[in-house]
Amino acid sequence: MRSTAQNAELALLLEVASTPKPGNVDREHEYPDLRFEQFVAGAVGAADGLAIAGDGGPVGEAFERAIAGMSDQRGGNTQFGAVLLVTPLAAAAADGPLTPETARAVAEATTVEDAVGFYSAFDHVDVAVDDPPSEMEVPDVRRGSDAAAALREEGTTLYDVMVESAEIDGLAAEWTSGFPRTFETARKIEGREGPVTDRAAAVFLELLAEEVDTFVVTQHDVATAREVKRRAEAALDGEQSVHGLAEEFVDRGINPGTTADIVAGGVFIALERGLEL
């Protein structure tokens, strides 16, 4: 029987192996400077940090350790967002049944030191982030570990950081609302038949058609993100080839990373609840 940490690592591997997921790296699509093999290496590298979470250790320490290991490949940031989503879920699973309530409790119980660990993770890898709003009450994450003193002085927890970003970042919104899309993704994957990688790819397209991907907004702009949503809707309706859309988005550098991260989290939840491979 796999451990929680092994399920977390496996979820990262199954997500990147799922194809087609328009715009994402998968086993059939790559970017010139970001390859499938680097995502595989990133997932394996994250294992030590995920093990800390799976043993019920501090979320911030687990996340920082996982990102340090993930970055030990030449592609740079492969699964920062997916690890950010899976880490608190793994910590929740360490204490008993994984539910929205237990996951929310873990998020809300994060500490100042968890926030320090989260910021320190930015020392290991470049992450695309928006300029913070002028009214933001937490330090810019791009300060990395240099923000530690300010976080401790203000008593800012990791949950506080996520609250500040929830309106503009899809993963922060999951953190602060009980991970609703992630648990719904697990339900959808569990309700389908066939290889898990095929199920995950199909659910990815559904998610992409439901909501604007906030990473596309960060990478490009709101108009591009809305176009991605419309094109995914067309693919679901059979008006657009999913494979063609995947090729086009890679060519244009459009990578719906937030949606992929939620799929990874959903796969993890499903595995923890007994999904068989």
C-alpha atoms as a PDB file:
ATOM      1  CA  MET A   1       0.000   0.000   0.000  1.00  0.00           C
ATOM      2  CA  ARG A   2       1.377   3.401  -0.985  1.00  0.00           C
ATOM      3  CA  SER A   3       2.072   6.034   1.632  1.00  0.00           C
ATOM      4  CA  THR A   4       0.568   9.515   1.475  1.00  0.00           C
ATOM      5  CA  ALA A   5       3.915  10.895   0.306  1.00  0.00           C
ATOM      6  CA  GLN A   6       4.105   8.293  -2.457  1.00  0.00           C
ATOM      7  CA  ASN A   7       0.593   9.191  -3.591  1.00  0.00           C
ATOM      8  CA  ALA A   8       1.609  12.858  -3.673  1.00  0.00           C
ATOM      9  CA  GLU A   9       4.632  12.116  -5.852  1.00  0.00           C
ATOM     10  CA  LEU A  10       2.574   9.803  -8.044  1.00  0.00           C
ATOM     11  CA  ALA A  11      -0.064  12.498  -8.526  1.00  0.00           C
ATOM     12  CA  LEU A  12       2.567  14.862  -9.930  1.00  0.00           C
ATOM     13  CA  LEU A  13       3.768  12.147 -12.292  1.00  0.00           C
ATOM     14  CA  LEU A  14       0.275  11.187 -13.467  1.00  0.00           C
ATOM     15  CA  GLU A  15      -0.649  14.821 -14.091  1.00  0.00           C
ATOM     16  CA  VAL A  16       2.279  15.464 -16.415  1.00  0.00           C
ATOM     17  CA  ALA A  17       1.748  12.119 -18.155  1.00  0.00           C
ATOM     18  CA  SER A  18      -1.863  13.034 -18.977  1.00  0.00           C
ATOM     19  CA  THR A  19      -2.430  14.138 -22.563  1.00  0.00           C
ATOM     20  CA  PRO A  20      -3.666  16.176 -24.319  1.00  0.00           C
ATOM     21  CA  LYS A  21      -3.848  19.117 -21.921  1.00  0.00           C
ATOM     22  CA  PRO A  22      -3.740  22.159 -24.206  1.00  0.00           C
ATOM     23  CA  GLY A  23      -0.736  24.338 -23.468  1.00  0.00           C
ATOM     24  CA  ASN A  24       0.811  22.122 -20.791  1.00  0.00           C
ATOM     25  CA  VAL A  25       3.904  19.985 -20.955  1.00  0.00           C
ATOM     26  CA  ASP A  26       2.871  16.345 -21.181  1.00  0.00           C
ATOM     27  CA  ARG A  27       4.211  13.141 -22.651  1.00  0.00           C
ATOM     28  CA  GLU A  28       3.408  14.362 -26.190  1.00  0.00           C
ATOM     29  CA  HIS A  29       4.000  18.134 -25.888  1.00  0.00           C
ATOM     30  CA  GLU A  30       7.009  20.123 -24.707  1.00  0.00           C
ATOM     31  CA  TYR A  31       8.466  23.598 -24.834  1.00  0.00           C
ATOM     32  CA  PRO A  32      12.013  24.095 -26.147  1.00  0.00           C
ATOM     33  CA  ASP A  33      13.270  24.958 -22.661  1.00  0.00           C
ATOM     34  CA  LEU A  34      10.825  22.913 -20.581  1.00  0.00           C
ATOM     35  CA  ARG A  35      10.586  19.192 -21.220  1.00  0.00           C
ATOM     36  CA  PHE A  36       8.550  16.226 -20.040  1.00  0.00           C
ATOM     37  CA  GLU A  37      11.603  14.570 -18.507  1.00  0.00           C
ATOM     38  CA  GLN A  38      12.233  17.650 -16.373  1.00  0.00           C
ATOM     39  CA  PHE A  39       8.723  17.423 -14.924  1.00  0.00           C
ATOM     40  CA  VAL A  40       9.377  13.775 -14.099  1.00  0.00           C
ATOM     41  CA  ALA A  41      12.624  14.771 -12.399  1.00  0.00           C
ATOM     42  CA  GLY A  42      10.821  17.585 -10.586  1.00  0.00           C
ATOM     43  CA  ALA A  43       8.220  15.203  -9.191  1.00  0.00           C
ATOM     44  CA  VAL A  44      10.875  12.797  -7.945  1.00  0.00           C
ATOM     45  CA  GLY A  45      12.898  15.680  -6.510  1.00  0.00           C
ATOM     46  CA  ALA A  46       9.915  16.923  -4.534  1.00  0.00           C
ATOM     47  CA  ALA A  47       9.553  13.593  -2.734  1.00  0.00           C
ATOM     48  CA  ASP A  48      11.522  14.437   0.417  1.00  0.00           C
ATOM     49  CA  GLY A  49       9.445  17.543   1.081  1.00  0.00           C
ATOM     50  CA  LEU A  50       6.196  15.743   0.350  1.00  0.00           C
ATOM     51  CA  ALA A  51       7.267  13.090   2.859  1.00  0.00           C
ATOM     52  CA  ILE A  52       7.483  15.772   5.558  1.00  0.00           C
ATOM     53  CA  ALA A  53       3.901  16.792   4.813  1.00  0.00           C
ATOM     54  CA  GLY A  54       2.793  13.164   4.632  1.00  0.00           C
ATOM     55  CA  ASP A  55       4.205  12.618   8.101  1.00  0.00           C
ATOM     56  CA  GLY A  56       2.275  15.595   9.452  1.00  0.00           C
ATOM     57  CA  GLY A  57       5.246  17.959   9.544  1.00  0.00           C
ATOM     58  CA  PRO A  58       5.139  21.741   9.118  1.00  0.00           C
ATOM     59  CA  VAL A  59       3.583  22.793   5.827  1.00  0.00           C
ATOM     60  CA  GLY A  60       6.080  25.582   5.156  1.00  0.00           C
ATOM     61  CA  GLU A  61       9.117  23.383   5.766  1.00  0.00           C
ATOM     62  CA  ALA A  62       7.619  20.614   3.633  1.00  0.00           C
ATOM     63  CA  PHE A  63       6.892  23.016   0.794  1.00  0.00           C
ATOM     64  CA  GLU A  64      10.319  24.669   0.841  1.00  0.00           C
ATOM     65  CA  ARG A  65      12.071  21.278   0.901  1.00  0.00           C
ATOM     66  CA  ALA A  66       9.890  19.980  -1.936  1.00  0.00           C
ATOM     67  CA  ILE A  67      10.610  23.012  -4.113  1.00  0.00           C
ATOM     68  CA  ALA A  68      14.338  22.784  -3.414  1.00  0.00           C
ATOM     69  CA  GLY A  69      14.265  19.188  -4.644  1.00  0.00           C
ATOM     70  CA  MET A  70      11.938  19.951  -7.548  1.00  0.00           C
ATOM     71  CA  SER A  71      14.340  22.573  -8.842  1.00  0.00           C
ATOM     72  CA  ASP A  72      17.178  20.060  -9.180  1.00  0.00           C
ATOM     73  CA  GLN A  73      16.796  19.821 -12.953  1.00  0.00           C
ATOM     74  CA  ARG A  74      17.580  22.197 -15.797  1.00  0.00           C
ATOM     75  CA  GLY A  75      13.997  23.211 -16.608  1.00  0.00           C
ATOM     76  CA  GLY A  76      13.538  25.453 -13.573  1.00  0.00           C
ATOM     77  CA  ASN A  77       9.977  25.770 -12.309  1.00  0.00           C
ATOM     78  CA  THR A  78       8.127  22.608 -13.238  1.00  0.00           C
ATOM     79  CA  GLN A  79       5.547  22.028 -10.470  1.00  0.00           C
ATOM     80  CA  PHE A  80       5.675  24.926  -8.005  1.00  0.00           C
ATOM     81  CA  GLY A  81       1.912  25.424  -8.071  1.00  0.00           C
ATOM     82  CA  ALA A  82       1.067  21.732  -7.956  1.00  0.00           C
ATOM     83  CA  VAL A  83       3.318  21.253  -4.930  1.00  0.00           C
ATOM     84  CA  LEU A  84       1.723  24.294  -3.272  1.00  0.00           C
ATOM     85  CA  LEU A  85      -1.667  22.651  -3.664  1.00  0.00           C
ATOM     86  CA  VAL A  86      -0.680  19.089  -2.792  1.00  0.00           C
ATOM     87  CA  THR A  87       1.404  19.909   0.294  1.00  0.00           C
ATOM     88  CA  PRO A  88      -1.442  20.991   2.620  1.00  0.00           C
ATOM     89  CA  LEU A  89      -3.606  18.166   1.279  1.00  0.00           C
ATOM     90  CA  ALA A  90      -0.886  15.660   2.166  1.00  0.00           C
ATOM     91  CA  ALA A  91      -0.588  17.224   5.625  1.00  0.00           C
ATOM     92  CA  ALA A  92      -4.349  16.879   6.078  1.00  0.00           C
ATOM     93  CA  ALA A  93      -4.236  13.243   4.967  1.00  0.00           C
ATOM     94  CA  ALA A  94      -1.563  12.549   7.583  1.00  0.00           C
ATOM     95  CA  ASP A  95      -4.092  13.210  10.351  1.00  0.00           C
ATOM     96  CA  GLY A  96      -6.953  11.059   9.053  1.00  0.00           C
ATOM     97  CA  PRO A  97      -9.530  11.062   6.261  1.00  0.00           C
ATOM     98  CA  LEU A  98      -8.844  13.738   3.635  1.00  0.00           C
ATOM     99  CA  THR A  99     -11.905  15.990   3.402  1.00  0.00           C
ATOM    100  CA  PRO A 100     -12.528  19.662   2.569  1.00  0.00           C
ATOM    101  CA  GLU A 101     -12.928  20.271   6.294  1.00  0.00           C
ATOM    102  CA  THR A 102      -9.614  18.693   7.288  1.00  0.00           C
ATOM    103  CA  ALA A 103      -7.811  20.410   4.423  1.00  0.00           C
ATOM    104  CA  ARG A 104      -9.284  23.776   5.399  1.00  0.00           C
ATOM    105  CA  ALA A 105      -8.213  23.188   9.003  1.00  0.00           C
ATOM    106  CA  VAL A 106      -4.612  22.577   7.942  1.00  0.00           C
ATOM    107  CA  ALA A 107      -4.579  25.745   5.826  1.00  0.00           C
ATOM    108  CA  GLU A 108      -6.066  27.892   8.563  1.00  0.00           C
ATOM    109  CA  ALA A 109      -3.640  26.506  11.155  1.00  0.00           C
ATOM    110  CA  THR A 110      -0.499  27.470   9.247  1.00  0.00           C
ATOM    111  CA  THR A 111       1.996  29.596  11.146  1.00  0.00           C
ATOM    112  CA  VAL A 112       4.396  32.474  10.636  1.00  0.00           C
ATOM    113  CA  GLU A 113       7.199  29.960  10.148  1.00  0.00           C
ATOM    114  CA  ASP A 114       5.138  28.274   7.447  1.00  0.00           C
ATOM    115  CA  ALA A 115       4.979  31.650   5.692  1.00  0.00           C
ATOM    116  CA  VAL A 116       8.756  31.961   6.027  1.00  0.00           C
ATOM    117  CA  GLY A 117       9.158  28.534   4.444  1.00  0.00           C
ATOM    118  CA  PHE A 118       6.843  29.497   1.598  1.00  0.00           C
ATOM    119  CA  TYR A 119       8.774  32.689   0.855  1.00  0.00           C
ATOM    120  CA  SER A 120      12.097  30.853   1.124  1.00  0.00           C
ATOM    121  CA  ALA A 121      10.970  28.481  -1.630  1.00  0.00           C
ATOM    122  CA  PHE A 122      11.206  31.399  -4.063  1.00  0.00           C
ATOM    123  CA  ASP A 123      14.981  31.368  -3.525  1.00  0.00           C
ATOM    124  CA  HIS A 124      15.182  28.067  -5.386  1.00  0.00           C
ATOM    125  CA  VAL A 125      13.326  28.825  -8.603  1.00  0.00           C
ATOM    126  CA  ASP A 126      11.975  31.680 -10.710  1.00  0.00           C
ATOM    127  CA  VAL A 127       8.177  31.814 -10.527  1.00  0.00           C
ATOM    128  CA  ALA A 128       5.978  33.983 -12.715  1.00  0.00           C
ATOM    129  CA  VAL A 129       3.976  36.245 -10.416  1.00  0.00           C
ATOM    130  CA  ASP A 130       2.024  39.451 -10.952  1.00  0.00           C
ATOM    131  CA  ASP A 131       3.144  42.734  -9.463  1.00  0.00           C
ATOM    132  CA  PRO A 132       1.454  42.912  -6.046  1.00  0.00           C
ATOM    133  CA  PRO A 133      -1.455  45.330  -5.638  1.00  0.00           C
ATOM    134  CA  SER A 134      -0.439  48.589  -3.971  1.00  0.00           C
ATOM    135  CA  GLU A 135      -2.702  47.809  -1.010  1.00  0.00           C
ATOM    136  CA  MET A 136      -1.150  44.368  -0.417  1.00  0.00           C
ATOM    137  CA  GLU A 137      -0.419  43.960   3.299  1.00  0.00           C
ATOM    138  CA  VAL A 138       2.124  41.130   2.947  1.00  0.00           C
ATOM    139  CA  PRO A 139       5.648  41.307   1.472  1.00  0.00           C
ATOM    140  CA  ASP A 140       6.194  40.706  -2.233  1.00  0.00           C
ATOM    141  CA  VAL A 141       6.960  36.994  -2.598  1.00  0.00           C
ATOM    142  CA  ARG A 142       9.823  37.826  -4.933  1.00  0.00           C
ATOM    143  CA  ARG A 143      11.767  38.931  -1.854  1.00  0.00           C
ATOM    144  CA  GLY A 144      12.102  35.256  -0.969  1.00  0.00           C
ATOM    145  CA  SER A 145      13.816  34.526   2.340  1.00  0.00           C
ATOM    146  CA  ASP A 146      14.674  38.232   2.674  1.00  0.00           C
ATOM    147  CA  ALA A 147      11.052  38.733   3.730  1.00  0.00           C
ATOM    148  CA  ALA A 148      11.453  36.544   6.828  1.00  0.00           C
ATOM    149  CA  ALA A 149      12.024  39.411   9.264  1.00  0.00           C
ATOM    150  CA  ALA A 150       8.985  41.325   8.017  1.00  0.00           C
ATOM    151  CA  LEU A 151       6.791  38.231   8.194  1.00  0.00           C
ATOM    152  CA  ARG A 152       7.862  37.540  11.775  1.00  0.00           C
ATOM    153  CA  GLU A 153       7.519  41.168  12.820  1.00  0.00           C
ATOM    154  CA  GLU A 154       3.968  41.362  11.470  1.00  0.00           C
ATOM    155  CA  GLY A 155       2.995  37.873  12.625  1.00  0.00           C
ATOM    156  CA  THR A 156       1.924  36.940   9.094  1.00  0.00           C
ATOM    157  CA  THR A 157       0.914  33.302   8.662  1.00  0.00           C
ATOM    158  CA  LEU A 158       0.902  31.382   5.402  1.00  0.00           C
ATOM    159  CA  TYR A 159      -2.891  31.443   5.447  1.00  0.00           C
ATOM    160  CA  ASP A 160      -2.728  35.245   5.746  1.00  0.00           C
ATOM    161  CA  VAL A 161      -0.547  35.345   2.633  1.00  0.00           C
ATOM    162  CA  MET A 162      -3.060  33.250   0.721  1.00  0.00           C
ATOM    163  CA  VAL A 163      -5.959  35.445   1.806  1.00  0.00           C
ATOM    164  CA  GLU A 164      -4.164  38.464   0.360  1.00  0.00           C
ATOM    165  CA  SER A 165      -3.801  36.758  -3.022  1.00  0.00           C
ATOM    166  CA  ALA A 166      -7.097  34.868  -3.236  1.00  0.00           C
ATOM    167  CA  GLU A 167      -8.832  37.370  -5.522  1.00  0.00           C
ATOM    168  CA  ILE A 168      -6.151  37.180  -8.208  1.00  0.00           C
ATOM    169  CA  ASP A 169      -4.665  33.698  -7.818  1.00  0.00           C
ATOM    170  CA  GLY A 170      -6.614  30.482  -8.340  1.00  0.00           C
ATOM    171  CA  LEU A 171      -4.442  28.416  -6.001  1.00  0.00           C
ATOM    172  CA  ALA A 172      -4.672  30.937  -3.176  1.00  0.00           C
ATOM    173  CA  ALA A 173      -8.437  30.889  -3.686  1.00  0.00           C
ATOM    174  CA  GLU A 174      -8.386  27.108  -3.211  1.00  0.00           C
ATOM    175  CA  TRP A 175      -6.323  27.455  -0.042  1.00  0.00           C
ATOM    176  CA  THR A 176      -8.754  29.896   1.524  1.00  0.00           C
ATOM    177  CA  SER A 177     -12.032  28.183   0.616  1.00  0.00           C
ATOM    178  CA  GLY A 178     -11.524  24.514   1.469  1.00  0.00           C
ATOM    179  CA  PHE A 179     -10.082  23.465  -1.915  1.00  0.00           C
ATOM    180  CA  PRO A 180     -13.496  23.158  -3.640  1.00  0.00           C
ATOM    181  CA  ARG A 181     -12.340  22.854  -7.254  1.00  0.00           C
ATOM    182  CA  THR A 182      -9.655  20.380  -6.249  1.00  0.00           C
ATOM    183  CA  PHE A 183     -12.093  18.087  -4.459  1.00  0.00           C
ATOM    184  CA  GLU A 184     -14.571  18.408  -7.326  1.00  0.00           C
ATOM    185  CA  THR A 185     -11.779  17.453  -9.724  1.00  0.00           C
ATOM    186  CA  ALA A 186     -11.140  14.318  -7.672  1.00  0.00           C
ATOM    187  CA  ARG A 187     -14.831  13.443  -7.842  1.00  0.00           C
ATOM    188  CA  LYS A 188     -14.851  13.862 -11.615  1.00  0.00           C
ATOM    189  CA  ILE A 189     -11.756  11.708 -12.052  1.00  0.00           C
ATOM    190  CA  GLU A 190     -13.196   9.015  -9.798  1.00  0.00           C
ATOM    191  CA  GLY A 191     -16.458   9.048 -11.776  1.00  0.00           C
ATOM    192  CA  ARG A 192     -14.816   8.314 -15.121  1.00  0.00           C
ATOM    193  CA  GLU A 193     -13.497   5.050 -16.507  1.00  0.00           C
ATOM    194  CA  GLY A 194     -10.285   4.124 -18.271  1.00  0.00           C
ATOM    195  CA  PRO A 195      -6.645   5.002 -17.623  1.00  0.00           C
ATOM    196  CA  VAL A 196      -6.195   7.668 -14.985  1.00  0.00           C
ATOM    197  CA  THR A 197      -4.093   9.760 -17.367  1.00  0.00           C
ATOM    198  CA  ASP A 198      -6.971   9.849 -19.870  1.00  0.00           C
ATOM    199  CA  ARG A 199      -9.440  10.766 -17.142  1.00  0.00           C
ATOM    200  CA  ALA A 200      -7.197  13.553 -15.891  1.00  0.00           C
ATOM    201  CA  ALA A 201      -6.782  15.013 -19.387  1.00  0.00           C
ATOM    202  CA  ALA A 202     -10.538  14.977 -19.975  1.00  0.00           C
ATOM    203  CA  VAL A 203     -11.226  16.680 -16.646  1.00  0.00           C
ATOM    204  CA  PHE A 204      -8.487  19.239 -17.364  1.00  0.00           C
ATOM    205  CA  LEU A 205     -10.375  20.342 -20.473  1.00  0.00           C
ATOM    206  CA  GLU A 206     -13.614  20.626 -18.480  1.00  0.00           C
ATOM    207  CA  LEU A 207     -11.916  22.783 -15.850  1.00  0.00           C
ATOM    208  CA  LEU A 208     -10.330  24.954 -18.519  1.00  0.00           C
ATOM    209  CA  ALA A 209     -13.763  25.599 -20.012  1.00  0.00           C
ATOM    210  CA  GLU A 210     -15.277  26.458 -16.607  1.00  0.00           C
ATOM    211  CA  GLU A 211     -13.030  29.226 -15.317  1.00  0.00           C
ATOM    212  CA  VAL A 212     -10.355  31.621 -16.502  1.00  0.00           C
ATOM    213  CA  ASP A 213      -6.890  30.246 -15.718  1.00  0.00           C
ATOM    214  CA  THR A 214      -5.116  32.754 -13.476  1.00  0.00           C
ATOM    215  CA  PHE A 215      -1.647  31.662 -14.587  1.00  0.00           C
ATOM    216  CA  VAL A 216      -2.544  32.569 -18.174  1.00  0.00           C
ATOM    217  CA  VAL A 217      -3.607  35.983 -16.861  1.00  0.00           C
ATOM    218  CA  THR A 218      -0.189  36.329 -15.194  1.00  0.00           C
ATOM    219  CA  GLN A 219       1.713  35.081 -18.247  1.00  0.00           C
ATOM    220  CA  HIS A 220      -0.285  37.036 -20.798  1.00  0.00           C
ATOM    221  CA  ASP A 221      -3.451  38.997 -19.937  1.00  0.00           C
ATOM    222  CA  VAL A 222      -7.142  38.633 -19.138  1.00  0.00           C
ATOM    223  CA  ALA A 223      -8.134  38.687 -22.814  1.00  0.00           C
ATOM    224  CA  THR A 224      -5.898  35.717 -23.592  1.00  0.00           C
ATOM    225  CA  ALA A 225      -7.216  33.825 -20.586  1.00  0.00           C
ATOM    226  CA  ARG A 226     -10.784  34.402 -21.725  1.00  0.00           C
ATOM    227  CA  GLU A 227      -9.876  33.211 -25.220  1.00  0.00           C
ATOM    228  CA  VAL A 228      -8.415  30.022 -23.707  1.00  0.00           C
ATOM    229  CA  LYS A 229     -11.663  29.428 -21.845  1.00  0.00           C
ATOM    230  CA  ARG A 230     -13.745  29.942 -25.013  1.00  0.00           C
ATOM    231  CA  ARG A 231     -11.528  27.657 -27.062  1.00  0.00           C
ATOM    232  CA  ALA A 232     -11.744  24.940 -24.396  1.00  0.00           C
ATOM    233  CA  GLU A 233     -15.541  25.242 -24.477  1.00  0.00           C
ATOM    234  CA  ALA A 234     -15.427  24.792 -28.253  1.00  0.00           C
ATOM    235  CA  ALA A 235     -13.234  21.713 -27.887  1.00  0.00           C
ATOM    236  CA  LEU A 236     -15.677  20.220 -25.384  1.00  0.00           C
ATOM    237  CA  ASP A 237     -18.510  20.839 -27.867  1.00  0.00           C
ATOM    238  CA  GLY A 238     -16.586  19.111 -30.651  1.00  0.00           C
ATOM    239  CA  GLU A 239     -16.096  22.343 -32.594  1.00  0.00           C
ATOM    240  CA  GLN A 240     -12.329  22.370 -32.038  1.00  0.00           C
ATOM    241  CA  SER A 241      -9.734  19.586 -32.107  1.00  0.00           C
ATOM    242  CA  VAL A 242      -8.250  19.128 -28.640  1.00  0.00           C
ATOM    243  CA  HIS A 243      -4.987  17.899 -30.157  1.00  0.00           C
ATOM    244  CA  GLY A 244      -4.898  20.871 -32.497  1.00  0.00           C
ATOM    245  CA  LEU A 245      -5.556  23.215 -29.600  1.00  0.00           C
ATOM    246  CA  ALA A 246      -2.722  21.615 -27.645  1.00  0.00           C
ATOM    247  CA  GLU A 247      -0.294  22.198 -30.503  1.00  0.00           C
ATOM    248  CA  GLU A 248      -1.454  25.783 -30.993  1.00  0.00           C
ATOM    249  CA  PHE A 249      -1.208  26.762 -27.342  1.00  0.00           C
ATOM    250  CA  VAL A 250       2.319  25.352 -27.067  1.00  0.00           C
ATOM    251  CA  ASP A 251       3.330  27.235 -30.216  1.00  0.00           C
ATOM    252  CA  ARG A 252       1.913  30.447 -28.706  1.00  0.00           C
ATOM    253  CA  GLY A 253       3.424  29.837 -25.265  1.00  0.00           C
ATOM    254  CA  ILE A 254       0.041  29.703 -23.555  1.00  0.00           C
ATOM    255  CA  ASN A 255       0.355  27.463 -20.513  1.00  0.00           C
ATOM    256  CA  PRO A 256      -2.767  27.073 -18.287  1.00  0.00           C
ATOM    257  CA  GLY A 257      -0.701  26.105 -15.281  1.00  0.00           C
ATOM    258  CA  THR A 258      -3.276  26.772 -12.569  1.00  0.00           C
ATOM    259  CA  THR A 259      -5.666  24.288 -14.150  1.00  0.00           C
ATOM    260  CA  ALA A 260      -2.911  21.676 -14.351  1.00  0.00           C
ATOM    261  CA  ASP A 261      -2.084  22.247 -10.680  1.00  0.00           C
ATOM    262  CA  ILE A 262      -5.704  21.642  -9.691  1.00  0.00           C
ATOM    263  CA  VAL A 263      -5.706  18.428 -11.717  1.00  0.00           C
ATOM    264  CA  ALA A 264      -2.604  17.258  -9.826  1.00  0.00           C
ATOM    265  CA  GLY A 265      -4.335  18.008  -6.544  1.00  0.00           C
ATOM    266  CA  GLY A 266      -7.466  16.184  -7.675  1.00  0.00           C
ATOM    267  CA  VAL A 267      -5.471  13.126  -8.687  1.00  0.00           C
ATOM    268  CA  PHE A 268      -3.808  13.119  -5.266  1.00  0.00           C
ATOM    269  CA  ILE A 269      -7.135  13.246  -3.452  1.00  0.00           C
ATOM    270  CA  ALA A 270      -8.494  10.444  -5.628  1.00  0.00           C
ATOM    271  CA  LEU A 271      -5.431   8.292  -4.926  1.00  0.00           C
ATOM    272  CA  GLU A 272      -5.770   8.898  -1.194  1.00  0.00           C
ATOM    273  CA  ARG A 273      -9.407   7.805  -1.415  1.00  0.00           C
ATOM    274  CA  GLY A 274      -8.492   4.529  -3.062  1.00  0.00           C
ATOM    275  CA  LEU A 275      -8.344   5.205  -6.812  1.00  0.00           C
ATOM    276  CA  GLU A 276      -6.805   2.138  -8.397  1.00  0.00           C
ATOM    277  CA  LEU A 277      -4.292   2.245 -11.234  1.00  0.00           C
END
